[in-house]
Protein backbone atom coordinates (compact mmCIF):
# COMPACT_ATOMS: atom_id res chain seq x y z
CA UNK A 1 0.09 0.15 -0.42
CA UNK A 2 2.90 2.51 0.29
CA UNK A 3 3.62 3.19 -3.21
CA UNK A 4 -0.15 3.51 -3.91
CA UNK A 5 -0.33 6.68 -1.25
CA UNK A 6 1.80 8.37 -3.07
CA UNK A 7 -0.31 8.20 -6.41
CA UNK A 8 -3.87 9.84 -7.02
CA UNK A 9 -6.48 6.76 -7.22
CA UNK A 10 -6.29 6.90 -10.95
CA UNK A 11 -2.55 6.66 -10.92
CA UNK A 12 -2.10 3.60 -8.07
CA UNK A 13 -1.42 0.71 -10.40
CA UNK A 14 0.64 2.89 -12.27
CA UNK A 15 2.37 3.66 -8.90
CA UNK A 16 3.09 -0.14 -7.90
CA UNK A 17 4.80 -1.09 -11.17
CA UNK A 18 6.96 2.05 -10.93
CA UNK A 19 8.26 0.70 -7.59
CA UNK A 20 8.43 -3.32 -8.81
CA UNK A 21 11.28 -1.31 -11.78
CA UNK A 22 13.50 -3.13 -9.19
CA UNK A 23 13.02 -5.85 -9.49
CA UNK A 24 13.75 -7.12 -13.05
CA UNK A 25 16.72 -4.48 -12.91
CA UNK A 26 18.14 -6.80 -10.20
CA UNK A 27 17.80 -9.95 -12.23
CA UNK A 28 19.42 -8.19 -15.77
CA UNK A 29 21.89 -7.07 -13.63
CA UNK A 30 22.82 -8.26 -9.93
CA UNK A 31 23.43 -11.86 -11.25
CA UNK A 32 26.19 -11.15 -14.17
CA UNK A 33 27.65 -8.67 -11.81
CA UNK A 34 27.79 -11.16 -8.66
CA UNK A 35 29.15 -13.02 -10.82
CA UNK A 36 31.99 -10.78 -12.22
CA UNK A 37 32.71 -9.57 -8.83
CA UNK A 38 33.02 -13.21 -7.57
CA UNK A 39 35.95 -13.86 -10.41
CA UNK A 40 37.49 -10.94 -8.53
CA UNK A 41 37.25 -11.72 -4.63
CA UNK A 42 35.87 -13.90 -2.33
CA UNK A 43 32.65 -14.84 -1.85
CA UNK A 44 32.42 -13.81 1.53
CA UNK A 45 34.18 -10.30 0.94
CA UNK A 46 31.16 -10.10 -2.02
CA UNK A 47 28.56 -10.66 0.35
CA UNK A 48 29.97 -7.69 3.32
CA UNK A 49 29.76 -5.46 0.07
CA UNK A 50 26.18 -6.62 -0.71
CA UNK A 51 25.50 -6.37 3.43
CA UNK A 52 27.25 -2.85 3.54
CA UNK A 53 25.24 -1.67 0.03
CA UNK A 54 22.02 -3.15 2.09
CA UNK A 55 22.23 -1.23 5.35
CA UNK A 56 23.09 2.15 3.17
CA UNK A 57 19.94 1.45 1.76
CA UNK A 58 17.98 1.18 4.72
CA UNK A 59 19.67 4.69 5.95
CA UNK A 60 18.95 6.19 2.96
CA UNK A 61 14.82 4.95 3.09
CA UNK A 62 15.12 6.24 6.72
CA UNK A 63 16.01 9.54 6.08
CA UNK A 64 14.57 10.47 2.24
CA UNK A 65 11.38 8.40 2.19
CA UNK A 66 8.49 10.25 2.24
CA UNK A 67 6.12 8.65 5.46
CA UNK A 68 2.33 8.22 5.65
CA UNK A 69 0.00 7.12 7.69
CA UNK A 70 -0.83 3.47 8.11
CA UNK A 71 -4.51 1.87 8.05
CA UNK A 72 -6.43 3.37 11.25
CA UNK A 73 -6.31 0.65 14.52
CA UNK A 74 -10.06 1.04 14.12
CA UNK A 75 -10.77 0.10 10.69
CA UNK A 76 -8.49 -2.59 10.32
CA UNK A 77 -9.85 -6.24 9.35
CA UNK A 78 -8.68 -9.10 10.82
CA UNK A 79 -6.70 -11.78 8.53
CA UNK A 80 -9.45 -13.78 8.48
CA UNK A 81 -12.12 -11.15 7.72
CA UNK A 82 -9.80 -10.13 4.89
CA UNK A 83 -9.91 -13.73 3.24
CA UNK A 84 -13.80 -13.84 3.10
CA UNK A 85 -14.30 -10.93 0.89
CA UNK A 86 -15.06 -11.67 -1.89
CA UNK A 87 -12.77 -12.02 -4.93
CA UNK A 88 -9.78 -12.44 -2.46
CA UNK A 89 -9.07 -15.69 -2.59
CA UNK A 90 -9.27 -16.26 -6.06
CA UNK A 91 -6.64 -13.21 -5.87
CA UNK A 92 -4.57 -15.17 -3.52
CA UNK A 93 -4.89 -18.63 -5.25
CA UNK A 94 -3.89 -17.05 -8.80
CA UNK A 95 -1.11 -15.68 -7.61
CA UNK A 96 0.18 -18.85 -5.67
CA UNK A 97 -0.17 -20.69 -8.74
CA UNK A 98 1.69 -17.74 -11.01
CA UNK A 99 4.89 -17.31 -8.53
CA UNK A 100 4.71 -21.07 -8.07
CA UNK A 101 4.88 -22.19 -11.75
CA UNK A 102 7.16 -19.26 -12.63
CA UNK A 103 10.09 -20.78 -9.98
CA UNK A 104 9.44 -24.44 -10.80
CA UNK A 105 11.22 -23.12 -13.81
CA UNK A 106 13.56 -20.34 -13.47
CA UNK A 107 14.71 -22.26 -9.50
CA UNK A 108 15.95 -24.89 -12.06
CA UNK A 109 16.82 -22.86 -15.16
CA UNK A 110 20.54 -23.85 -15.25
CA UNK A 111 20.08 -27.89 -15.24
CA UNK A 112 17.10 -27.04 -17.96
CA UNK A 113 20.31 -25.30 -19.70
CA UNK A 114 22.47 -28.09 -19.63
CA UNK A 115 20.08 -31.19 -20.68
CA UNK A 116 20.26 -29.16 -23.45
CA UNK A 117 24.04 -28.02 -23.94
CA UNK A 118 23.76 -24.67 -23.56
CA UNK A 119 24.64 -24.76 -19.50
CA UNK A 120 27.22 -22.03 -20.13
CA UNK A 121 24.92 -19.08 -21.60
CA UNK A 122 22.97 -18.69 -18.33
CA UNK A 123 24.16 -15.42 -17.67
CA UNK A 124 22.82 -14.30 -21.13
CA UNK A 125 19.80 -16.08 -20.50
CA UNK A 126 19.09 -14.70 -17.46
CA UNK A 127 20.15 -10.70 -18.69
CA UNK A 128 17.47 -12.05 -21.57
CA UNK A 129 14.33 -12.33 -18.84
CA UNK A 130 15.32 -9.23 -16.76
CA UNK A 131 15.91 -6.94 -19.67
CA UNK A 132 12.61 -7.95 -21.08
CA UNK A 133 10.84 -8.11 -17.71
CA UNK A 134 11.26 -4.47 -17.36
CA UNK A 135 9.80 -4.46 -20.45
CA UNK A 136 6.53 -6.00 -19.56
CA UNK A 137 6.40 -4.00 -16.51
CA UNK A 138 6.56 -1.01 -18.37
CA UNK A 139 3.46 -2.23 -20.39
CA UNK A 140 1.77 -3.17 -17.56
CA UNK A 141 2.58 0.58 -15.58
CA UNK A 142 0.25 2.28 -19.20
CA UNK A 143 -3.10 0.13 -19.01
CA UNK A 144 -2.90 -1.61 -15.43
CA UNK A 145 -5.63 0.79 -14.32
CA UNK A 146 -7.90 0.63 -17.33
CA UNK A 147 -7.39 -2.96 -18.19
CA UNK A 148 -6.48 -5.35 -15.25
CA UNK A 149 -8.33 -8.38 -16.04
CA UNK A 150 -7.57 -8.34 -19.67
CA UNK A 151 -3.87 -7.88 -19.18
CA UNK A 152 -3.61 -10.36 -16.49
CA UNK A 153 -5.40 -12.60 -18.77
CA UNK A 154 -2.74 -12.04 -21.78
CA UNK A 155 -0.02 -12.05 -19.27
CA UNK A 156 -0.81 -15.96 -18.26
CA UNK A 157 -1.41 -17.06 -21.79
CA UNK A 158 1.44 -14.90 -22.97
CA UNK A 159 3.65 -17.40 -20.43
CA UNK A 160 1.72 -20.52 -20.89
CA UNK A 161 2.88 -19.80 -25.05
CA UNK A 162 6.63 -19.71 -23.26
CA UNK A 163 6.20 -22.17 -21.65
CA UNK A 164 5.00 -24.46 -24.31
CA UNK A 165 7.36 -23.20 -26.62
CA UNK A 166 10.85 -23.74 -24.05
CA UNK A 167 8.96 -27.62 -22.98
CA UNK A 168 8.98 -28.58 -27.36
CA UNK A 169 11.76 -25.91 -28.58
CA UNK A 170 14.53 -28.75 -28.58
CA UNK A 171 17.99 -27.77 -28.40
CA UNK A 172 17.51 -24.48 -30.44
CA UNK A 173 18.70 -21.48 -29.08
CA UNK A 174 17.08 -18.83 -30.67
CA UNK A 175 13.80 -20.63 -29.41
CA UNK A 176 15.55 -20.79 -26.44
CA UNK A 177 16.60 -17.13 -25.67
CA UNK A 178 13.37 -16.09 -27.58
CA UNK A 179 11.14 -17.94 -25.15
CA UNK A 180 12.62 -17.05 -22.53
CA UNK A 181 12.02 -12.99 -23.77
CA UNK A 182 8.63 -13.71 -24.28
CA UNK A 183 8.47 -15.26 -20.80
CA UNK A 184 10.13 -12.14 -19.25
CA UNK A 185 7.43 -9.79 -20.35
CA UNK A 186 4.58 -11.60 -19.39
CA UNK A 187 5.94 -12.47 -15.80
CA UNK A 188 7.87 -9.16 -15.29
CA UNK A 189 3.85 -7.62 -14.52
CA UNK A 190 2.82 -10.24 -12.60
CA UNK A 191 3.30 -8.26 -9.14
CA UNK A 192 1.74 -4.98 -10.30
CA UNK A 193 -1.17 -6.64 -11.27
CA UNK A 194 -1.93 -9.00 -8.10
CA UNK A 195 -0.89 -6.70 -5.83
CA UNK A 196 -3.64 -4.10 -7.84
CA UNK A 197 -6.11 -6.46 -8.13
CA UNK A 198 -5.45 -7.30 -4.47
CA UNK A 199 -5.66 -3.21 -3.33
CA UNK A 200 -8.89 -2.52 -5.69
CA UNK A 201 -10.86 -5.61 -4.02
CA UNK A 202 -9.89 -4.78 -0.20
CA UNK A 203 -9.86 -1.22 -0.03
CA UNK A 204 -8.61 0.14 2.96
CA UNK A 205 -7.83 -3.30 4.33
CA UNK A 206 -4.59 -3.26 1.53
CA UNK A 207 -2.01 -3.59 4.39
CA UNK A 208 -3.28 -6.80 6.06
CA UNK A 209 -3.84 -8.13 2.54
CA UNK A 210 -0.79 -7.24 1.09
CA UNK A 211 0.90 -9.23 4.17
CA UNK A 212 -0.98 -12.43 2.79
CA UNK A 213 0.23 -11.88 -0.23
CA UNK A 214 3.53 -11.75 0.52
CA UNK A 215 3.06 -15.07 2.76
CA UNK A 216 1.67 -16.65 -0.85
CA UNK A 217 4.39 -15.10 -2.59
CA UNK A 218 7.30 -16.60 -0.52
CA UNK A 219 5.53 -19.60 0.00
CA UNK A 220 4.85 -20.34 -3.93
CA UNK A 221 8.89 -19.13 -4.09
CA UNK A 222 9.42 -22.31 -1.89
CA UNK A 223 7.28 -24.70 -3.35
CA UNK A 224 8.10 -23.96 -6.65
CA UNK A 225 12.11 -24.72 -5.36
CA UNK A 226 10.71 -28.16 -3.86
CA UNK A 227 8.36 -29.35 -6.34
CA UNK A 228 10.51 -28.27 -9.27
CA UNK A 229 13.60 -30.06 -7.60
CA UNK A 230 11.35 -33.23 -7.18
CA UNK A 231 10.14 -33.08 -10.59
CA UNK A 232 13.99 -32.98 -11.67
CA UNK A 233 14.87 -35.71 -10.10
CA UNK A 234 11.92 -38.12 -11.29
CA UNK A 235 11.35 -37.03 -14.79
CA UNK A 236 14.20 -34.49 -15.77
CA UNK A 237 14.25 -31.17 -16.73
CA UNK A 238 12.54 -31.37 -19.79
CA UNK A 239 9.21 -31.93 -18.01
CA UNK A 240 9.30 -28.97 -15.86
CA UNK A 241 8.02 -26.30 -18.78
CA UNK A 242 5.01 -28.30 -18.74
CA UNK A 243 4.48 -28.84 -15.06
CA UNK A 244 4.14 -25.17 -15.05
CA UNK A 245 2.03 -24.85 -18.06
CA UNK A 246 -0.58 -26.50 -16.26
CA UNK A 247 -0.77 -24.69 -13.74
CA UNK A 248 -0.79 -21.49 -15.71
CA UNK A 249 -3.55 -22.77 -17.65
CA UNK A 250 -5.39 -23.38 -14.77
CA UNK A 251 -4.85 -19.45 -12.68
CA UNK A 252 -6.23 -18.44 -16.63
CA UNK A 253 -9.48 -20.55 -16.48
CA UNK A 254 -9.30 -18.09 -12.65
CA UNK A 255 -8.93 -14.94 -13.34
CA UNK A 256 -11.82 -15.59 -16.14
CA UNK A 257 -14.86 -16.78 -14.63
CA UNK A 258 -13.72 -15.71 -11.26
CA UNK A 259 -14.02 -12.08 -9.85
CA UNK A 260 -10.76 -10.03 -9.77
CA UNK A 261 -10.33 -6.67 -8.96
CA UNK A 262 -12.20 -3.76 -9.47
CA UNK A 263 -10.37 -2.31 -12.37
CA UNK A 264 -12.15 -4.31 -15.14
């Protein structure tokens, strides 16, 4: 709710998109930079540098970023009451499916590339993903306040297409790179779409709802790692995109038939 409080109502979805820009930049730059720093110094030194940078960021936030009042205590809803609001469970379910499906493949992308002989190009693939995720955030930021449901369905369908291409693309690096680029565009705006839908649906209870969202988001990341590992061990890396595809198809159906935010 912090980014939304900075903006007028008709631009709140765009504000969330702007606040989300840091993630794809970190994906596109952070991994290659971390690998490069690792060639120059011991990993402990790299971690120490990151810790100092994080501390400086905390100081900057405390001294520079504007403060906004939170939700008044007498207007706060419990987690249980938020979960029974119309549309909330559908949004959280889609959020779990989306992040779960993404991390099943993303966590084991190195293994997937190794399987087809492109393990040495992981850095390039991650850079492509991060770069095009940035593009996805830009597109979503422009239209999210006017076409929330349509953008959500489109993003899921495009993600499904990318997963299909990854699953059947064979050993062509061009196909893999293009699929990852499409995946990045489709996934880049996912947090913005999901958080905007949740905020539109919960209104004044947005802070409580967002705390549940963060829990669901992180649970999905963990689940993707665990389930992806089991799939990798039992069926191999080639099965990862196909399992994720099934999850995304379910997500498309839920968004299509259930209430999904008010900006429809």
